Every structure is written in C-alpha cells, then in structure tokens.
Amino acid sequence: MPTSEEPALTSKPVLALSPVRLRTVAEEVSDRLTTAIAIGEFLPGQRLPAEREMAVMLDVSRGAVREALGCLDALGIVEIRRGRLGGAFVRESWTEGSAEAVRRTLLPRWTELEQLFDLCGLLEATVARAAAERRTDADLAALNEAFETFRDADSATAEQSADHAFHAALRHAAGNPRLAALCLDLTTRAALGFPYHPWGASDDDSSERALREHAALLAAVESGDAERAGTIAREHFTITEEIMRQALERGLSS
C-alpha cells in the first residue's frame, strides 16, 4: 500500500512517452545571446559583432546566428538595421522572455561555470603577479592610459571598452603570450563564448568597484608587489561570477 509520503496510483494512463521537442542550434544561440545581453556583455545601444564573427565565436553556422538574431529582433531584444552602417543593435538588457533564456543557459552549466570562475581567478592572479615582476615602462604607460580612460568614461560602453584595454595591457605586461592566450580563452569560456566581461545592471556598483580595484591593481604592478597584485586580481574576477549569479537568481525568481 502507498505510504502517506507516496502518491497513490490511479488507473489514469501516464504519458511517459510524450513527444520531446529537440532544440535547434539557432534556439541555443538565441538563448546564449539573450543571456549575454542580460549580464551586460552587450549593452543597450551597442552593436553586436557581425554574423561571421559570432559564428566563429560560438562555433556555429552563420545561418544559425542569422536565425537567432531574427528571433531576438522579433522579441524586441535587438533591432536589425539595414545598410552600410547596419547590424544588430541591443535595445533592452532584460525583457519578459529573458528569465527563461537565462535559466536554460546558466542553470545546466552552473557547476561547470563555478569551476571556470575558480580557475580563471587563479590564472588572473598568476598573470597579475607576472606583470608586477616583468612590466616595462611601455606596459605601465598602457596600463595608466587604460585606467585613466576608464576613470573618465562617461558611459557604460566606454567603461567596458576601457576595462577590456586595461586587462589586455595587464596580460601583455605578464610577458608570456601563451599565458595571455590561455587566460583570455578561459575567461571567454566563462563568459559563454564571448570575449567581453559582463557589466551587470545599470543600477549596481560593479563599475565603481572595478575602478577601485583597477587603481589598487595598477599601484601593485607599478610598485612590483607581485603578491598583492595577485590577491587583488583574483578577487577582482569575482565581479564576473557575482554578475552572472545575480542574473541566474533573477531568472529563477521570475
């Protein structure tokens, strides 16, 4: 007999073999793009990479990217503009359908992503320590220029671009192209296949925190304090994890 903890069996047939709908590559790309926009890898007003470029990033066909962009256009997430200056431009960072796409993209990958976050933090620390030990005057000039551009940025898009330049200069200062390439590859994997750092919602304090940590990291590299540079860099990467975790929590609560 069934216990109070078990559902009673009935004579009603169980649809155990109901049809299973297999998702297409274009639908997977659509979800991943929606999630990338939700976490701020691509910001409102920003033009997405060209179809050919995204196809290479995600290792899919241009047709799949084109179909995914058409879906996002229909949902109001991007706007497709024609002509020489056309392309797909982000309209909204979070729409009514974003939560489901974020859940489908992040939830099944979350254990793997947490491992990547940890690995990326360790590798970012290695890069920063090497930069503090090996930086040249030219490296310091590039880091200072990127930091000042970030500090003086008047938009999230400008901040994101300067952030990209700062981290590229830091990887170069480490003095090992293979280390730099490995670091970029892993951070790209953690960012769902796109070589851009998540930038979060417009009302969070990620950019203010990034500015403080860039300043501290620059000072450590300039003074040659390798251990401090490594500690700051590892903590700095947790911004990416926190932004993606917040997006997943928002998706689960919607």
Protein backbone atom coordinates (compact mmCIF):
# COMPACT_ATOMS: atom_id res chain seq x y z
CA MET A 1 0.00 0.00 0.00
CA PRO A 2 1.23 3.53 -0.68
CA THR A 3 2.51 5.41 2.33
CA SER A 4 1.44 8.96 3.17
CA GLU A 5 4.68 10.10 1.52
CA GLU A 6 3.90 8.45 -1.83
CA PRO A 7 1.32 9.47 -4.42
CA ALA A 8 -1.46 6.90 -4.83
CA LEU A 9 -1.52 5.09 -8.13
CA THR A 10 -4.56 5.57 -10.32
CA SER A 11 -5.83 3.91 -13.43
CA LYS A 12 -5.28 7.12 -15.41
CA PRO A 13 -2.62 6.48 -18.10
CA VAL A 14 0.76 8.13 -17.54
CA LEU A 15 2.11 9.99 -20.57
CA ALA A 16 5.68 8.78 -20.08
CA LEU A 17 6.33 8.79 -23.80
CA SER A 18 5.01 12.24 -24.62
CA PRO A 19 6.83 13.93 -27.51
CA VAL A 20 10.21 15.50 -26.69
CA ARG A 21 10.98 18.69 -28.52
CA LEU A 22 14.63 18.96 -29.50
CA ARG A 23 16.04 22.47 -29.51
CA THR A 24 17.74 23.74 -32.64
CA VAL A 25 21.19 25.33 -32.80
CA ALA A 26 19.55 28.67 -33.59
CA GLU A 27 17.45 28.43 -30.42
CA GLU A 28 20.54 27.67 -28.35
CA VAL A 29 22.32 30.68 -29.90
CA SER A 30 19.28 32.85 -29.24
CA ASP A 31 19.28 31.85 -25.56
CA ARG A 32 23.00 32.43 -25.21
CA LEU A 33 22.80 35.86 -26.83
CA THR A 34 19.84 36.79 -24.66
CA THR A 35 21.81 35.75 -21.58
CA ALA A 36 24.93 37.62 -22.72
CA ILE A 37 22.81 40.75 -23.09
CA ALA A 38 21.14 40.14 -19.71
CA ILE A 39 24.51 40.02 -17.91
CA GLY A 40 25.81 43.08 -19.74
CA GLU A 41 28.36 41.59 -22.10
CA PHE A 42 26.48 43.57 -24.73
CA LEU A 43 24.90 46.82 -23.57
CA PRO A 44 21.82 48.75 -24.76
CA GLY A 45 22.66 50.79 -27.84
CA GLN A 46 25.66 48.60 -28.62
CA ARG A 47 26.09 46.90 -31.96
CA LEU A 48 26.56 43.14 -31.75
CA PRO A 49 29.51 41.55 -33.58
CA ALA A 50 28.88 40.69 -37.21
CA GLU A 51 27.25 37.36 -38.06
CA ARG A 52 30.51 35.90 -39.35
CA GLU A 53 32.37 36.93 -36.18
CA MET A 54 29.73 35.50 -33.85
CA ALA A 55 29.61 32.27 -35.84
CA VAL A 56 33.34 31.83 -35.20
CA MET A 57 33.00 32.74 -31.51
CA LEU A 58 30.24 30.19 -30.93
CA ASP A 59 31.43 27.59 -33.48
CA VAL A 60 28.10 27.53 -35.31
CA SER A 61 26.94 28.38 -38.81
CA ARG A 62 26.17 31.91 -39.94
CA GLY A 63 22.67 30.69 -40.74
CA ALA A 64 22.12 29.73 -37.09
CA VAL A 65 23.33 33.16 -35.97
CA ARG A 66 21.11 34.91 -38.54
CA GLU A 67 18.06 32.92 -37.41
CA ALA A 68 18.82 33.65 -33.74
CA LEU A 69 19.15 37.37 -34.43
CA GLY A 70 15.82 37.32 -36.24
CA CYS A 71 14.25 35.78 -33.15
CA LEU A 72 15.78 38.43 -30.87
CA ASP A 73 14.57 41.14 -33.24
CA ALA A 74 11.02 39.76 -33.04
CA LEU A 75 11.23 39.71 -29.23
CA GLY A 76 12.38 43.33 -29.09
CA ILE A 77 15.78 42.49 -27.59
CA VAL A 78 17.72 43.75 -30.61
CA GLU A 79 16.93 45.93 -33.58
CA ILE A 80 18.11 44.86 -37.03
CA ARG A 81 19.22 47.83 -39.11
CA ARG A 82 19.99 47.53 -42.78
CA GLY A 83 22.58 49.32 -44.86
CA ARG A 84 26.29 50.06 -44.68
CA LEU A 85 26.10 51.13 -41.02
CA GLY A 86 23.55 48.49 -40.13
CA GLY A 87 23.69 45.42 -37.95
CA ALA A 88 22.01 44.12 -34.82
CA PHE A 89 21.78 46.70 -32.03
CA VAL A 90 20.82 45.92 -28.43
CA ARG A 91 17.52 47.51 -27.41
CA GLU A 92 16.81 46.08 -23.96
CA SER A 93 19.05 44.29 -21.46
CA TRP A 94 16.18 42.35 -19.88
CA THR A 95 12.82 41.58 -21.43
CA GLU A 96 9.86 39.45 -20.42
CA GLY A 97 11.40 36.39 -22.03
CA SER A 98 14.91 36.87 -20.68
CA ALA A 99 14.37 34.92 -17.45
CA GLU A 100 13.57 31.67 -19.24
CA ALA A 101 16.55 32.04 -21.60
CA VAL A 102 18.88 32.79 -18.68
CA ARG A 103 17.62 29.72 -16.80
CA ARG A 104 18.08 27.47 -19.84
CA THR A 105 21.57 28.83 -20.47
CA LEU A 106 23.07 29.15 -16.99
CA LEU A 107 21.37 26.56 -14.79
CA PRO A 108 22.56 23.39 -16.62
CA ARG A 109 26.09 24.86 -16.87
CA TRP A 110 26.36 26.29 -13.36
CA THR A 111 28.64 23.61 -11.84
CA GLU A 112 30.99 23.89 -14.81
CA LEU A 113 30.85 27.69 -14.65
CA GLU A 114 31.76 27.71 -10.95
CA GLN A 115 34.81 25.59 -11.75
CA LEU A 116 35.73 28.00 -14.54
CA PHE A 117 35.30 31.01 -12.23
CA ASP A 118 37.71 29.44 -9.75
CA LEU A 119 40.22 28.53 -12.45
CA CYS A 120 40.01 31.98 -14.05
CA GLY A 121 40.60 33.63 -10.69
CA LEU A 122 43.73 31.55 -10.12
CA LEU A 123 45.01 32.31 -13.61
CA GLU A 124 44.23 36.04 -13.36
CA ALA A 125 46.29 36.07 -10.16
CA THR A 126 49.18 34.39 -11.98
CA VAL A 127 49.01 36.97 -14.77
CA ALA A 128 48.98 39.87 -12.31
CA ARG A 129 51.95 38.51 -10.34
CA ALA A 130 53.94 38.05 -13.55
CA ALA A 131 53.00 41.58 -14.68
CA ALA A 132 54.25 43.05 -11.39
CA GLU A 133 57.56 41.26 -11.82
CA ARG A 134 58.10 41.83 -15.54
CA ARG A 135 56.32 45.06 -16.56
CA THR A 136 58.21 47.50 -18.72
CA ASP A 137 57.84 51.28 -18.94
CA ALA A 138 55.72 50.78 -22.07
CA ASP A 139 53.48 48.33 -20.20
CA LEU A 140 52.97 50.82 -17.36
CA ALA A 141 52.15 53.55 -19.86
CA ALA A 142 49.49 51.34 -21.49
CA LEU A 143 48.01 50.38 -18.11
CA ASN A 144 47.87 54.01 -16.97
CA GLU A 145 46.25 55.12 -20.21
CA ALA A 146 43.57 52.42 -19.95
CA PHE A 147 42.98 53.24 -16.28
CA GLU A 148 42.57 56.96 -16.98
CA THR A 149 40.21 56.23 -19.86
CA PHE A 150 38.14 54.02 -17.57
CA ARG A 151 38.11 56.66 -14.82
CA ASP A 152 37.00 59.40 -17.24
CA ALA A 153 34.44 57.29 -19.16
CA ASP A 154 31.01 58.88 -19.48
CA SER A 155 29.04 55.74 -20.38
CA ALA A 156 28.88 52.05 -19.56
CA THR A 157 30.00 51.23 -23.09
CA ALA A 158 33.10 53.43 -22.73
CA GLU A 159 33.85 51.87 -19.34
CA GLN A 160 33.56 48.38 -20.75
CA SER A 161 35.91 49.23 -23.64
CA ALA A 162 38.48 50.73 -21.26
CA ASP A 163 38.17 47.71 -18.96
CA HIS A 164 38.93 45.46 -21.93
CA ALA A 165 42.01 47.57 -22.75
CA PHE A 166 43.21 47.51 -19.12
CA HIS A 167 43.08 43.73 -18.89
CA ALA A 168 44.68 43.31 -22.32
CA ALA A 169 47.55 45.56 -21.18
CA LEU A 170 47.90 43.55 -17.97
CA ARG A 171 48.11 40.27 -19.91
CA HIS A 172 50.73 41.80 -22.20
CA ALA A 173 52.74 43.00 -19.20
CA ALA A 174 52.95 39.40 -17.94
CA GLY A 175 55.46 38.82 -20.73
CA ASN A 176 54.20 35.42 -21.87
CA PRO A 177 51.91 35.30 -24.94
CA ARG A 178 50.86 31.71 -24.19
CA LEU A 179 49.82 32.63 -20.67
CA ALA A 180 47.92 35.63 -22.03
CA ALA A 181 46.16 33.48 -24.65
CA LEU A 182 45.21 30.81 -22.08
CA CYS A 183 43.82 33.45 -19.72
CA LEU A 184 41.75 35.05 -22.49
CA ASP A 185 40.48 31.67 -23.67
CA LEU A 186 39.29 30.64 -20.20
CA THR A 187 37.66 33.97 -19.39
CA THR A 188 35.88 33.77 -22.76
CA ARG A 189 34.58 30.30 -21.88
CA ALA A 190 33.32 31.63 -18.55
CA ALA A 191 31.58 34.44 -20.43
CA LEU A 192 29.54 32.00 -22.58
CA GLY A 193 31.90 32.15 -25.55
CA PHE A 194 32.16 35.93 -25.91
CA PRO A 195 35.46 37.77 -25.20
CA TYR A 196 33.75 40.51 -23.16
CA HIS A 197 33.40 40.95 -19.41
CA PRO A 198 29.84 41.06 -18.04
CA TRP A 199 28.91 44.57 -17.00
CA GLY A 200 25.84 43.94 -14.87
CA ALA A 201 22.77 46.12 -14.42
CA SER A 202 22.89 49.89 -14.71
CA ASP A 203 21.96 50.30 -11.04
CA ASP A 204 24.65 48.11 -9.45
CA ASP A 205 28.06 49.19 -8.18
CA SER A 206 30.20 46.95 -10.41
CA SER A 207 31.84 49.83 -12.29
CA GLU A 208 32.70 51.69 -9.07
CA ARG A 209 34.19 48.54 -7.60
CA ALA A 210 36.10 47.89 -10.84
CA LEU A 211 37.58 51.40 -10.72
CA ARG A 212 38.78 50.93 -7.13
CA GLU A 213 40.29 47.55 -7.89
CA HIS A 214 41.91 48.74 -11.13
CA ALA A 215 43.57 51.54 -9.15
CA ALA A 216 44.82 49.11 -6.48
CA LEU A 217 46.00 46.61 -9.10
CA LEU A 218 47.82 49.30 -11.07
CA ALA A 219 49.57 50.52 -7.92
CA ALA A 220 50.67 46.98 -7.04
CA VAL A 221 52.03 46.35 -10.54
CA GLU A 222 53.83 49.72 -10.59
CA SER A 223 55.47 49.03 -7.22
CA GLY A 224 56.41 45.47 -8.18
CA ASP A 225 54.36 43.95 -5.36
CA ALA A 226 53.59 40.61 -7.02
CA GLU A 227 51.74 39.00 -4.11
CA ARG A 228 49.41 41.96 -3.62
CA ALA A 229 48.80 42.20 -7.37
CA GLY A 230 47.83 38.51 -7.44
CA THR A 231 45.48 38.83 -4.47
CA ILE A 232 43.69 41.83 -5.96
CA ALA A 233 43.39 40.22 -9.40
CA ARG A 234 41.87 37.04 -8.01
CA GLU A 235 39.28 38.99 -6.01
CA HIS A 236 38.62 41.28 -8.99
CA PHE A 237 37.49 38.37 -11.15
CA THR A 238 34.70 37.56 -8.71
CA ILE A 239 32.82 40.54 -10.22
CA THR A 240 32.09 38.32 -13.23
CA GLU A 241 30.83 35.47 -11.05
CA GLU A 242 28.64 37.80 -8.96
CA ILE A 243 27.02 39.40 -12.01
CA MET A 244 26.23 36.02 -13.56
CA ARG A 245 24.95 34.63 -10.26
CA GLN A 246 22.65 37.64 -9.85
CA ALA A 247 21.29 37.12 -13.36
CA LEU A 248 20.59 33.45 -12.64
CA GLU A 249 18.87 34.29 -9.33
CA ARG A 250 16.74 36.87 -11.11
CA GLY A 251 15.87 34.30 -13.76
CA LEU A 252 14.90 31.73 -11.17
CA SER A 253 12.73 34.17 -9.25
CA SER A 254 10.85 35.47 -12.32
